[in-house]
Amino acid sequence: MKVIVCDDYPLIVKHLIRTINQVAPNAECIGFSDPRDVLSYIETGTSDVAVLDIEMPYIDGLTLAKRILEKSPKTNIIFVTGHPQYSLEAHQLYSSSFIVKPVTADAMKQAFEHLRNPVSDLNESDIKKFYSGKIGLGSNIRRLRIRKGMTVPQLAELLNVSAQTVYRWENNERMPDIVKFLMISDIFGIDAKELLK
């Protein structure tokens, strides 16, 4: 997961990156203290999440978010600000979260757990392996379901599928699509890569 962090105070950028690394250890964070540098970065680079201050010189965070979303509409925007009066404007931009400073690890964790556009750490080779049928995904699903004390019908209800579909997955007769796969990893609270092992 690639994360852009932008705040006009470099110390706050460092604090935010430390906090993000606590709650999302696999995140690759790129910090900026000048929003103009973010605009330069997005010309060639991409990100899954952008953590933005709102009141910054040169370009405010709301305008910066719009520019990021023009280039990459699936980027999750998390606003971090000391000015709660911007919450409505942030909401109108379909941001994932709005955190009022000071930022706590719990607030950041909640923001990353409720991203508007889910992010996976799967790479292209993982996805090929997933669809090749070379992994025993069914036994992993069964093992994790049992460990969580969950029945097949309970898991099926959470995934909005039939119990028969879950039985077929667990017996490796069928494979969940990639969206259901990500939902399964989220339900069991594990990284998507772990589910492939």
N, C-alpha and C. Protein backbone atom coordinates (compact mmCIF):
# COMPACT_ATOMS: atom_id res chain seq x y z
N MET A 1 0.85 -1.18 0.00
CA MET A 1 0.00 0.00 0.00
C MET A 1 0.90 1.24 0.00
N LYS A 2 0.65 2.13 -0.94
CA LYS A 2 1.45 3.35 -1.03
C LYS A 2 0.64 4.52 -0.45
N VAL A 3 1.26 5.28 0.45
CA VAL A 3 0.56 6.36 1.16
C VAL A 3 1.33 7.67 1.00
N ILE A 4 0.64 8.71 0.52
CA ILE A 4 1.18 10.07 0.49
C ILE A 4 0.78 10.76 1.79
N VAL A 5 1.72 11.43 2.43
CA VAL A 5 1.44 12.20 3.65
C VAL A 5 1.88 13.63 3.38
N CYS A 6 0.98 14.59 3.58
CA CYS A 6 1.34 15.98 3.33
C CYS A 6 0.81 16.89 4.44
N ASP A 7 1.75 17.58 5.09
CA ASP A 7 1.44 18.60 6.10
C ASP A 7 2.56 19.63 6.00
N ASP A 8 2.23 20.90 6.17
CA ASP A 8 3.27 21.92 5.98
C ASP A 8 4.30 21.96 7.12
N TYR A 9 4.09 21.18 8.18
CA TYR A 9 5.07 21.07 9.25
C TYR A 9 5.79 19.73 9.14
N PRO A 10 7.09 19.73 8.81
CA PRO A 10 7.82 18.47 8.64
C PRO A 10 7.75 17.54 9.85
N LEU A 11 7.73 18.11 11.08
CA LEU A 11 7.65 17.25 12.27
C LEU A 11 6.32 16.50 12.32
N ILE A 12 5.25 17.16 11.87
CA ILE A 12 3.95 16.49 11.84
C ILE A 12 3.95 15.40 10.78
N VAL A 13 4.61 15.64 9.64
CA VAL A 13 4.72 14.61 8.60
C VAL A 13 5.38 13.37 9.20
N LYS A 14 6.48 13.57 9.94
CA LYS A 14 7.19 12.45 10.56
C LYS A 14 6.30 11.72 11.56
N HIS A 15 5.56 12.49 12.37
CA HIS A 15 4.66 11.89 13.35
C HIS A 15 3.57 11.07 12.65
N LEU A 16 2.99 11.61 11.60
CA LEU A 16 1.94 10.90 10.88
C LEU A 16 2.47 9.61 10.26
N ILE A 17 3.67 9.66 9.69
CA ILE A 17 4.25 8.46 9.09
C ILE A 17 4.51 7.40 10.16
N ARG A 18 5.02 7.82 11.32
CA ARG A 18 5.23 6.86 12.42
C ARG A 18 3.90 6.22 12.84
N THR A 19 2.86 7.04 12.94
CA THR A 19 1.55 6.54 13.34
C THR A 19 0.99 5.58 12.31
N ILE A 20 1.12 5.93 11.04
CA ILE A 20 0.63 5.05 9.97
C ILE A 20 1.39 3.72 10.00
N ASN A 21 2.70 3.77 10.21
CA ASN A 21 3.49 2.54 10.25
C ASN A 21 3.12 1.65 11.43
N GLN A 22 2.59 2.26 12.50
CA GLN A 22 2.10 1.45 13.63
C GLN A 22 0.87 0.66 13.23
N VAL A 23 -0.04 1.30 12.52
CA VAL A 23 -1.33 0.66 12.23
C VAL A 23 -1.35 -0.07 10.89
N ALA A 24 -0.43 0.27 10.00
CA ALA A 24 -0.34 -0.38 8.68
C ALA A 24 1.14 -0.62 8.38
N PRO A 25 1.73 -1.66 9.00
CA PRO A 25 3.18 -1.87 8.89
C PRO A 25 3.68 -2.06 7.46
N ASN A 26 2.80 -2.53 6.57
CA ASN A 26 3.23 -2.76 5.19
C ASN A 26 3.12 -1.52 4.31
N ALA A 27 2.66 -0.42 4.89
CA ALA A 27 2.48 0.80 4.10
C ALA A 27 3.83 1.41 3.73
N GLU A 28 3.92 1.85 2.48
CA GLU A 28 5.10 2.59 2.03
C GLU A 28 4.71 4.06 2.00
N CYS A 29 5.23 4.83 2.96
CA CYS A 29 4.83 6.23 3.11
C CYS A 29 5.81 7.17 2.43
N ILE A 30 5.27 8.16 1.74
CA ILE A 30 6.07 9.19 1.09
C ILE A 30 5.61 10.52 1.67
N GLY A 31 6.50 11.22 2.38
CA GLY A 31 6.12 12.44 3.07
C GLY A 31 6.47 13.71 2.30
N PHE A 32 5.60 14.69 2.38
CA PHE A 32 5.79 16.00 1.74
C PHE A 32 5.39 17.10 2.73
N SER A 33 6.14 18.21 2.73
CA SER A 33 5.72 19.35 3.53
C SER A 33 5.31 20.52 2.64
N ASP A 34 5.40 20.33 1.33
CA ASP A 34 4.95 21.35 0.37
C ASP A 34 3.96 20.67 -0.58
N PRO A 35 2.70 21.11 -0.58
CA PRO A 35 1.70 20.46 -1.43
C PRO A 35 2.04 20.51 -2.92
N ARG A 36 2.84 21.49 -3.33
CA ARG A 36 3.23 21.56 -4.74
C ARG A 36 4.07 20.34 -5.14
N ASP A 37 4.83 19.81 -4.17
CA ASP A 37 5.63 18.62 -4.44
C ASP A 37 4.74 17.39 -4.64
N VAL A 38 3.59 17.39 -3.97
CA VAL A 38 2.64 16.29 -4.17
C VAL A 38 2.12 16.32 -5.61
N LEU A 39 1.81 17.52 -6.10
CA LEU A 39 1.33 17.64 -7.48
C LEU A 39 2.37 17.14 -8.47
N SER A 40 3.64 17.44 -8.21
CA SER A 40 4.71 16.94 -9.07
C SER A 40 4.78 15.42 -9.00
N TYR A 41 4.65 14.88 -7.79
CA TYR A 41 4.74 13.43 -7.61
C TYR A 41 3.63 12.69 -8.36
N ILE A 42 2.39 13.20 -8.26
CA ILE A 42 1.27 12.47 -8.88
C ILE A 42 1.28 12.52 -10.40
N GLU A 43 2.14 13.35 -10.97
CA GLU A 43 2.27 13.34 -12.44
C GLU A 43 2.81 12.01 -12.92
N THR A 44 3.65 11.37 -12.12
CA THR A 44 4.24 10.10 -12.54
C THR A 44 3.99 8.96 -11.56
N GLY A 45 3.72 9.29 -10.29
CA GLY A 45 3.51 8.26 -9.29
C GLY A 45 2.05 8.12 -8.90
N THR A 46 1.74 7.04 -8.21
CA THR A 46 0.37 6.81 -7.74
C THR A 46 0.39 6.54 -6.24
N SER A 47 -0.78 6.58 -5.65
CA SER A 47 -0.89 6.22 -4.23
C SER A 47 -2.26 5.62 -3.98
N ASP A 48 -2.32 4.78 -2.96
CA ASP A 48 -3.60 4.19 -2.56
C ASP A 48 -4.32 5.08 -1.57
N VAL A 49 -3.53 5.80 -0.77
CA VAL A 49 -4.09 6.66 0.29
C VAL A 49 -3.32 7.97 0.31
N ALA A 50 -4.03 9.07 0.53
CA ALA A 50 -3.39 10.37 0.71
C ALA A 50 -3.87 10.94 2.05
N VAL A 51 -2.93 11.16 2.97
CA VAL A 51 -3.23 11.74 4.28
C VAL A 51 -2.83 13.20 4.20
N LEU A 52 -3.83 14.10 4.25
CA LEU A 52 -3.59 15.51 3.94
C LEU A 52 -4.04 16.45 5.06
N ASP A 53 -3.19 17.42 5.37
CA ASP A 53 -3.60 18.55 6.18
C ASP A 53 -4.50 19.42 5.30
N ILE A 54 -5.29 20.29 5.88
CA ILE A 54 -6.16 21.14 5.06
C ILE A 54 -5.57 22.54 4.90
N GLU A 55 -5.24 23.19 6.00
CA GLU A 55 -4.72 24.56 5.88
C GLU A 55 -3.21 24.51 5.65
N MET A 56 -2.82 24.72 4.39
CA MET A 56 -1.40 24.72 4.01
C MET A 56 -1.15 25.88 3.06
N PRO A 57 0.07 26.41 3.03
CA PRO A 57 0.37 27.48 2.07
C PRO A 57 0.41 26.94 0.65
N TYR A 58 0.23 27.82 -0.29
CA TYR A 58 0.28 27.54 -1.74
C TYR A 58 -0.97 26.80 -2.23
N ILE A 59 -1.28 25.64 -1.65
CA ILE A 59 -2.45 24.86 -2.07
C ILE A 59 -3.08 24.27 -0.82
N ASP A 60 -4.36 24.53 -0.59
CA ASP A 60 -4.99 23.94 0.59
C ASP A 60 -5.28 22.45 0.34
N GLY A 61 -5.49 21.71 1.41
CA GLY A 61 -5.69 20.27 1.32
C GLY A 61 -6.91 19.85 0.52
N LEU A 62 -7.97 20.65 0.58
CA LEU A 62 -9.18 20.31 -0.18
C LEU A 62 -8.91 20.39 -1.68
N THR A 63 -8.23 21.45 -2.10
CA THR A 63 -7.88 21.61 -3.52
C THR A 63 -6.90 20.52 -3.94
N LEU A 64 -5.95 20.23 -3.06
CA LEU A 64 -4.97 19.18 -3.36
C LEU A 64 -5.67 17.83 -3.53
N ALA A 65 -6.63 17.53 -2.67
CA ALA A 65 -7.38 16.27 -2.78
C ALA A 65 -8.09 16.19 -4.13
N LYS A 66 -8.71 17.30 -4.56
CA LYS A 66 -9.40 17.30 -5.86
C LYS A 66 -8.43 16.99 -6.98
N ARG A 67 -7.24 17.58 -6.92
CA ARG A 67 -6.23 17.36 -7.97
C ARG A 67 -5.76 15.90 -7.97
N ILE A 68 -5.58 15.35 -6.77
CA ILE A 68 -5.16 13.94 -6.67
C ILE A 68 -6.25 13.04 -7.27
N LEU A 69 -7.50 13.32 -6.92
CA LEU A 69 -8.61 12.49 -7.40
C LEU A 69 -8.83 12.62 -8.90
N GLU A 70 -8.49 13.76 -9.47
CA GLU A 70 -8.56 13.90 -10.93
C GLU A 70 -7.60 12.93 -11.61
N LYS A 71 -6.41 12.76 -11.04
CA LYS A 71 -5.41 11.86 -11.61
C LYS A 71 -5.68 10.41 -11.25
N SER A 72 -6.19 10.19 -10.04
CA SER A 72 -6.35 8.83 -9.53
C SER A 72 -7.62 8.75 -8.67
N PRO A 73 -8.77 8.54 -9.31
CA PRO A 73 -10.07 8.60 -8.60
C PRO A 73 -10.24 7.58 -7.47
N LYS A 74 -9.45 6.51 -7.46
CA LYS A 74 -9.59 5.48 -6.42
C LYS A 74 -8.72 5.75 -5.20
N THR A 75 -7.99 6.87 -5.19
CA THR A 75 -7.16 7.19 -4.03
C THR A 75 -8.07 7.50 -2.83
N ASN A 76 -7.78 6.89 -1.71
CA ASN A 76 -8.51 7.16 -0.47
C ASN A 76 -7.93 8.42 0.17
N ILE A 77 -8.79 9.39 0.44
CA ILE A 77 -8.34 10.64 1.06
C ILE A 77 -8.68 10.62 2.55
N ILE A 78 -7.67 10.85 3.37
CA ILE A 78 -7.86 11.00 4.82
C ILE A 78 -7.39 12.41 5.18
N PHE A 79 -8.31 13.23 5.65
CA PHE A 79 -7.94 14.58 6.07
C PHE A 79 -7.55 14.57 7.54
N VAL A 80 -6.46 15.27 7.84
CA VAL A 80 -5.98 15.41 9.21
C VAL A 80 -5.80 16.90 9.44
N THR A 81 -6.60 17.47 10.34
CA THR A 81 -6.59 18.92 10.48
C THR A 81 -6.93 19.35 11.90
N GLY A 82 -6.55 20.55 12.24
CA GLY A 82 -6.95 21.15 13.52
C GLY A 82 -8.19 22.00 13.37
N HIS A 83 -8.84 21.94 12.20
CA HIS A 83 -9.99 22.81 11.91
C HIS A 83 -11.22 21.98 11.55
N PRO A 84 -12.02 21.60 12.56
CA PRO A 84 -13.18 20.74 12.32
C PRO A 84 -14.24 21.36 11.40
N GLN A 85 -14.18 22.68 11.20
CA GLN A 85 -15.21 23.32 10.37
C GLN A 85 -15.15 22.87 8.90
N TYR A 86 -14.08 22.18 8.51
CA TYR A 86 -13.96 21.73 7.12
C TYR A 86 -14.59 20.35 6.88
N SER A 87 -15.19 19.78 7.91
CA SER A 87 -15.67 18.40 7.78
C SER A 87 -16.72 18.23 6.68
N LEU A 88 -17.62 19.20 6.51
CA LEU A 88 -18.65 19.08 5.47
C LEU A 88 -18.01 19.09 4.08
N GLU A 89 -17.07 20.00 3.85
CA GLU A 89 -16.40 20.04 2.54
C GLU A 89 -15.62 18.75 2.28
N ALA A 90 -15.01 18.23 3.34
CA ALA A 90 -14.28 16.96 3.20
C ALA A 90 -15.25 15.84 2.84
N HIS A 91 -16.41 15.83 3.49
CA HIS A 91 -17.42 14.81 3.20
C HIS A 91 -17.90 14.91 1.75
N GLN A 92 -18.07 16.12 1.25
CA GLN A 92 -18.53 16.31 -0.12
C GLN A 92 -17.50 15.83 -1.15
N LEU A 93 -16.24 15.71 -0.72
CA LEU A 93 -15.20 15.17 -1.61
C LEU A 93 -15.14 13.64 -1.51
N TYR A 94 -16.07 13.03 -0.76
CA TYR A 94 -16.10 11.59 -0.57
C TYR A 94 -14.80 11.09 0.06
N SER A 95 -14.30 11.83 1.04
CA SER A 95 -13.09 11.38 1.73
C SER A 95 -13.41 10.13 2.55
N SER A 96 -12.37 9.35 2.82
CA SER A 96 -12.54 8.14 3.63
C SER A 96 -12.69 8.49 5.11
N SER A 97 -11.90 9.49 5.56
CA SER A 97 -11.93 9.85 6.98
C SER A 97 -11.56 11.32 7.17
N PHE A 98 -11.98 11.82 8.32
CA PHE A 98 -11.67 13.20 8.72
C PHE A 98 -11.22 13.13 10.17
N ILE A 99 -9.93 13.35 10.42
CA ILE A 99 -9.37 13.24 11.77
C ILE A 99 -8.98 14.63 12.26
N VAL A 100 -9.44 14.97 13.45
CA VAL A 100 -9.08 16.25 14.05
C VAL A 100 -7.82 16.04 14.90
N LYS A 101 -6.82 16.91 14.68
CA LYS A 101 -5.57 16.83 15.45
C LYS A 101 -5.84 17.09 16.93
N PRO A 102 -5.06 16.53 17.83
CA PRO A 102 -3.90 15.67 17.60
C PRO A 102 -4.32 14.27 17.18
N VAL A 103 -3.52 13.66 16.31
CA VAL A 103 -3.85 12.35 15.73
C VAL A 103 -3.37 11.25 16.67
N THR A 104 -4.28 10.33 16.99
CA THR A 104 -3.91 9.17 17.80
C THR A 104 -3.80 7.94 16.90
N ALA A 105 -3.12 6.93 17.39
CA ALA A 105 -2.99 5.68 16.65
C ALA A 105 -4.37 5.05 16.45
N ASP A 106 -5.25 5.16 17.45
CA ASP A 106 -6.59 4.58 17.33
C ASP A 106 -7.38 5.25 16.21
N ALA A 107 -7.29 6.57 16.13
CA ALA A 107 -8.01 7.29 15.07
C ALA A 107 -7.47 6.90 13.70
N MET A 108 -6.15 6.78 13.59
CA MET A 108 -5.55 6.41 12.30
C MET A 108 -5.91 4.96 11.95
N LYS A 109 -5.90 4.09 12.94
CA LYS A 109 -6.26 2.68 12.71
C LYS A 109 -7.68 2.58 12.16
N GLN A 110 -8.59 3.33 12.79
CA GLN A 110 -9.98 3.32 12.35
C GLN A 110 -10.09 3.85 10.92
N ALA A 111 -9.33 4.89 10.61
CA ALA A 111 -9.35 5.45 9.25
C ALA A 111 -8.89 4.42 8.23
N PHE A 112 -7.83 3.69 8.55
CA PHE A 112 -7.31 2.70 7.60
C PHE A 112 -8.19 1.46 7.52
N GLU A 113 -8.97 1.20 8.56
CA GLU A 113 -9.88 0.05 8.52
C GLU A 113 -11.16 0.37 7.74
N HIS A 114 -11.42 1.65 7.48
CA HIS A 114 -12.65 2.04 6.80
C HIS A 114 -12.37 2.85 5.53
N LEU A 115 -11.40 2.40 4.76
CA LEU A 115 -11.10 3.09 3.51
C LEU A 115 -12.27 2.92 2.54
N ARG A 116 -12.59 3.99 1.85
CA ARG A 116 -13.70 3.97 0.89
C ARG A 116 -13.42 2.97 -0.23
N ASN A 117 -12.18 2.93 -0.71
CA ASN A 117 -11.77 2.00 -1.76
C ASN A 117 -10.76 1.03 -1.14
N PRO A 118 -11.18 -0.23 -0.90
CA PRO A 118 -10.29 -1.18 -0.23
C PRO A 118 -8.96 -1.33 -0.96
N VAL A 119 -7.90 -1.50 -0.19
CA VAL A 119 -6.56 -1.63 -0.73
C VAL A 119 -6.04 -3.02 -0.40
N SER A 120 -5.43 -3.66 -1.37
CA SER A 120 -4.85 -4.97 -1.15
C SER A 120 -3.35 -4.91 -1.34
N ASP A 121 -2.63 -5.73 -0.57
CA ASP A 121 -1.19 -5.84 -0.75
C ASP A 121 -0.83 -6.91 -1.78
N LEU A 122 -1.84 -7.46 -2.43
CA LEU A 122 -1.56 -8.47 -3.44
C LEU A 122 -0.89 -7.83 -4.65
N ASN A 123 0.13 -8.51 -5.17
CA ASN A 123 0.74 -8.03 -6.40
C ASN A 123 0.26 -8.90 -7.57
N GLU A 124 0.74 -8.61 -8.75
CA GLU A 124 0.23 -9.31 -9.94
C GLU A 124 0.50 -10.81 -9.87
N SER A 125 1.66 -11.21 -9.37
CA SER A 125 1.96 -12.65 -9.31
C SER A 125 1.07 -13.36 -8.29
N ASP A 126 0.72 -12.66 -7.18
CA ASP A 126 -0.20 -13.24 -6.20
C ASP A 126 -1.57 -13.48 -6.84
N ILE A 127 -2.02 -12.52 -7.63
CA ILE A 127 -3.34 -12.64 -8.26
C ILE A 127 -3.33 -13.77 -9.29
N LYS A 128 -2.22 -13.91 -10.04
CA LYS A 128 -2.12 -15.02 -11.00
C LYS A 128 -2.16 -16.35 -10.27
N LYS A 129 -1.44 -16.42 -9.14
CA LYS A 129 -1.42 -17.65 -8.35
C LYS A 129 -2.83 -17.95 -7.82
N PHE A 130 -3.51 -16.89 -7.39
CA PHE A 130 -4.87 -17.03 -6.86
C PHE A 130 -5.80 -17.66 -7.90
N TYR A 131 -5.72 -17.18 -9.14
CA TYR A 131 -6.63 -17.67 -10.17
C TYR A 131 -6.15 -18.93 -10.87
N SER A 132 -4.88 -19.33 -10.64
CA SER A 132 -4.36 -20.52 -11.32
C SER A 132 -4.89 -21.80 -10.69
N GLY A 133 -5.43 -21.70 -9.47
CA GLY A 133 -5.91 -22.90 -8.78
C GLY A 133 -4.79 -23.70 -8.14
N LYS A 134 -3.58 -23.13 -8.07
CA LYS A 134 -2.44 -23.85 -7.51
C LYS A 134 -2.34 -23.73 -6.00
N ILE A 135 -3.27 -23.04 -5.39
CA ILE A 135 -3.21 -22.90 -3.94
C ILE A 135 -4.43 -23.57 -3.32
N GLY A 136 -4.26 -24.10 -2.13
CA GLY A 136 -5.37 -24.74 -1.42
C GLY A 136 -6.10 -23.72 -0.58
N LEU A 137 -6.70 -22.75 -1.21
CA LEU A 137 -7.36 -21.66 -0.49
C LEU A 137 -8.47 -22.19 0.42
N GLY A 138 -9.19 -23.22 -0.05
CA GLY A 138 -10.32 -23.74 0.71
C GLY A 138 -9.95 -24.17 2.11
N SER A 139 -8.83 -24.87 2.25
CA SER A 139 -8.42 -25.34 3.58
C SER A 139 -8.05 -24.17 4.48
N ASN A 140 -7.50 -23.09 3.89
CA ASN A 140 -7.19 -21.89 4.67
C ASN A 140 -8.47 -21.24 5.18
N ILE A 141 -9.47 -21.12 4.31
CA ILE A 141 -10.74 -20.52 4.72
C ILE A 141 -11.36 -21.34 5.84
N ARG A 142 -11.38 -22.68 5.67
CA ARG A 142 -11.98 -23.56 6.69
C ARG A 142 -11.24 -23.41 8.03
N ARG A 143 -9.91 -23.44 7.98
CA ARG A 143 -9.10 -23.36 9.21
C ARG A 143 -9.36 -22.04 9.94
N LEU A 144 -9.38 -20.93 9.20
CA LEU A 144 -9.60 -19.63 9.81
C LEU A 144 -11.02 -19.48 10.34
N ARG A 145 -11.98 -20.03 9.62
CA ARG A 145 -13.39 -19.97 10.06
C ARG A 145 -13.55 -20.71 11.37
N ILE A 146 -12.97 -21.91 11.45
CA ILE A 146 -13.08 -22.72 12.66
C ILE A 146 -12.36 -22.04 13.82
N ARG A 147 -11.18 -21.48 13.54
CA ARG A 147 -10.42 -20.79 14.59
C ARG A 147 -11.23 -19.62 15.16
N LYS A 148 -12.02 -18.97 14.30
CA LYS A 148 -12.82 -17.82 14.74
C LYS A 148 -14.13 -18.27 15.41
N GLY A 149 -14.39 -19.59 15.41
CA GLY A 149 -15.61 -20.11 16.02
C GLY A 149 -16.84 -19.77 15.21
N MET A 150 -16.69 -19.75 13.91
CA MET A 150 -17.77 -19.32 13.02
C MET A 150 -18.29 -20.51 12.21
N THR A 151 -19.59 -20.59 12.03
CA THR A 151 -20.17 -21.65 11.20
C THR A 151 -20.16 -21.22 9.73
N VAL A 152 -20.36 -22.18 8.84
CA VAL A 152 -20.44 -21.87 7.41
C VAL A 152 -21.58 -20.89 7.13
N PRO A 153 -22.79 -21.12 7.67
CA PRO A 153 -23.87 -20.15 7.41
C PRO A 153 -23.55 -18.74 7.92
N GLN A 154 -22.85 -18.63 9.05
CA GLN A 154 -22.49 -17.30 9.57
C GLN A 154 -21.53 -16.59 8.63
N LEU A 155 -20.53 -17.31 8.14
CA LEU A 155 -19.59 -16.71 7.19
C LEU A 155 -20.31 -16.34 5.90
N ALA A 156 -21.19 -17.21 5.44
CA ALA A 156 -21.93 -16.95 4.21
C ALA A 156 -22.77 -15.67 4.34
N GLU A 157 -23.38 -15.48 5.51
CA GLU A 157 -24.21 -14.28 5.71
C GLU A 157 -23.36 -13.01 5.67
N LEU A 158 -22.18 -13.04 6.29
CA LEU A 158 -21.30 -11.88 6.27
C LEU A 158 -20.83 -11.53 4.86
N LEU A 159 -20.70 -12.56 4.02
CA LEU A 159 -20.22 -12.35 2.65
C LEU A 159 -21.35 -12.18 1.64
N ASN A 160 -22.60 -12.30 2.13
CA ASN A 160 -23.77 -12.17 1.26
C ASN A 160 -23.75 -13.20 0.13
N VAL A 161 -23.41 -14.45 0.50
CA VAL A 161 -23.45 -15.58 -0.44
C VAL A 161 -24.19 -16.72 0.24
N SER A 162 -24.46 -17.78 -0.49
CA SER A 162 -25.14 -18.93 0.11
C SER A 162 -24.13 -19.79 0.87
N ALA A 163 -24.64 -20.59 1.83
CA ALA A 163 -23.79 -21.51 2.57
C ALA A 163 -23.16 -22.51 1.61
N GLN A 164 -23.92 -22.91 0.59
CA GLN A 164 -23.40 -23.86 -0.40
C GLN A 164 -22.16 -23.30 -1.12
N THR A 165 -22.17 -21.99 -1.38
CA THR A 165 -21.02 -21.35 -2.03
C THR A 165 -19.79 -21.46 -1.14
N VAL A 166 -19.96 -21.20 0.16
CA VAL A 166 -18.83 -21.31 1.10
C VAL A 166 -18.32 -22.75 1.15
N TYR A 167 -19.25 -23.73 1.20
CA TYR A 167 -18.84 -25.14 1.19
C TYR A 167 -18.00 -25.46 -0.05
N ARG A 168 -18.41 -24.92 -1.19
CA ARG A 168 -17.67 -25.17 -2.43
C ARG A 168 -16.28 -24.54 -2.38
N TRP A 169 -16.19 -23.34 -1.79
CA TRP A 169 -14.87 -22.72 -1.64
C TRP A 169 -13.98 -23.58 -0.75
N GLU A 170 -14.55 -24.02 0.38
CA GLU A 170 -13.75 -24.78 1.34
C GLU A 170 -13.31 -26.13 0.79
N ASN A 171 -14.04 -26.67 -0.15
CA ASN A 171 -13.69 -27.94 -0.78
C ASN A 171 -12.91 -27.76 -2.08
N ASN A 172 -12.50 -26.50 -2.35
CA ASN A 172 -11.74 -26.17 -3.56
C ASN A 172 -12.45 -26.54 -4.85
N GLU A 173 -13.80 -26.54 -4.80
CA GLU A 173 -14.57 -26.78 -6.02
C GLU A 173 -14.73 -25.49 -6.81
N ARG A 174 -14.72 -24.39 -6.09
CA ARG A 174 -14.84 -23.06 -6.71
C ARG A 174 -13.93 -22.10 -5.98
N MET A 175 -13.67 -20.95 -6.63
CA MET A 175 -12.84 -19.91 -6.03
C MET A 175 -13.68 -18.65 -5.83
N PRO A 176 -13.52 -17.96 -4.68
CA PRO A 176 -14.21 -16.66 -4.54
C PRO A 176 -13.61 -15.65 -5.52
N ASP A 177 -14.43 -14.71 -5.96
CA ASP A 177 -13.85 -13.66 -6.81
C ASP A 177 -12.97 -12.77 -5.93
N ILE A 178 -12.24 -11.88 -6.56
CA ILE A 178 -11.22 -11.11 -5.83
C ILE A 178 -11.85 -10.21 -4.76
N VAL A 179 -13.06 -9.69 -5.01
CA VAL A 179 -13.73 -8.84 -4.01
C VAL A 179 -14.09 -9.66 -2.77
N LYS A 180 -14.67 -10.85 -2.99
CA LYS A 180 -15.02 -11.72 -1.86
C LYS A 180 -13.76 -12.18 -1.13
N PHE A 181 -12.70 -12.44 -1.90
CA PHE A 181 -11.43 -12.83 -1.31
C PHE A 181 -10.94 -11.76 -0.33
N LEU A 182 -11.00 -10.49 -0.74
CA LEU A 182 -10.56 -9.40 0.13
C LEU A 182 -11.48 -9.26 1.34
N MET A 183 -12.78 -9.50 1.12
CA MET A 183 -13.73 -9.45 2.25
C MET A 183 -13.42 -10.56 3.26
N ILE A 184 -13.07 -11.74 2.75
CA ILE A 184 -12.74 -12.87 3.64
C ILE A 184 -11.52 -12.52 4.49
N SER A 185 -10.48 -11.97 3.87
CA SER A 185 -9.28 -11.62 4.64
C SER A 185 -9.61 -10.56 5.68
N ASP A 186 -10.51 -9.63 5.35
CA ASP A 186 -10.91 -8.59 6.29
C ASP A 186 -11.69 -9.19 7.47
N ILE A 187 -12.61 -10.11 7.18
CA ILE A 187 -13.40 -10.76 8.24
C ILE A 187 -12.50 -11.49 9.22
N PHE A 188 -11.48 -12.17 8.69
CA PHE A 188 -10.58 -12.93 9.56
C PHE A 188 -9.45 -12.07 10.13
N GLY A 189 -9.40 -10.80 9.73
CA GLY A 189 -8.42 -9.88 10.28
C GLY A 189 -6.98 -10.22 9.92
N ILE A 190 -6.79 -10.71 8.69
CA ILE A 190 -5.44 -11.04 8.26
C ILE A 190 -5.14 -10.36 6.94
N ASP A 191 -3.86 -10.25 6.64
CA ASP A 191 -3.42 -9.71 5.36
C ASP A 191 -3.82 -10.66 4.25
N ALA A 192 -4.20 -10.13 3.10
CA ALA A 192 -4.63 -10.96 1.96
C ALA A 192 -3.55 -11.96 1.58
N LYS A 193 -2.28 -11.59 1.68
CA LYS A 193 -1.19 -12.52 1.35
C LYS A 193 -1.20 -13.73 2.28
N GLU A 194 -1.57 -13.51 3.55
CA GLU A 194 -1.62 -14.62 4.51
C GLU A 194 -2.63 -15.67 4.08
N LEU A 195 -3.73 -15.22 3.52
CA LEU A 195 -4.78 -16.13 3.08
C LEU A 195 -4.31 -17.02 1.93
N LEU A 196 -3.34 -16.55 1.17
CA LEU A 196 -2.82 -17.32 0.04
C LEU A 196 -1.80 -18.37 0.45
N LYS A 197 -1.29 -18.29 1.69
CA LYS A 197 -0.23 -19.22 2.09
C LYS A 197 -0.79 -20.60 2.30
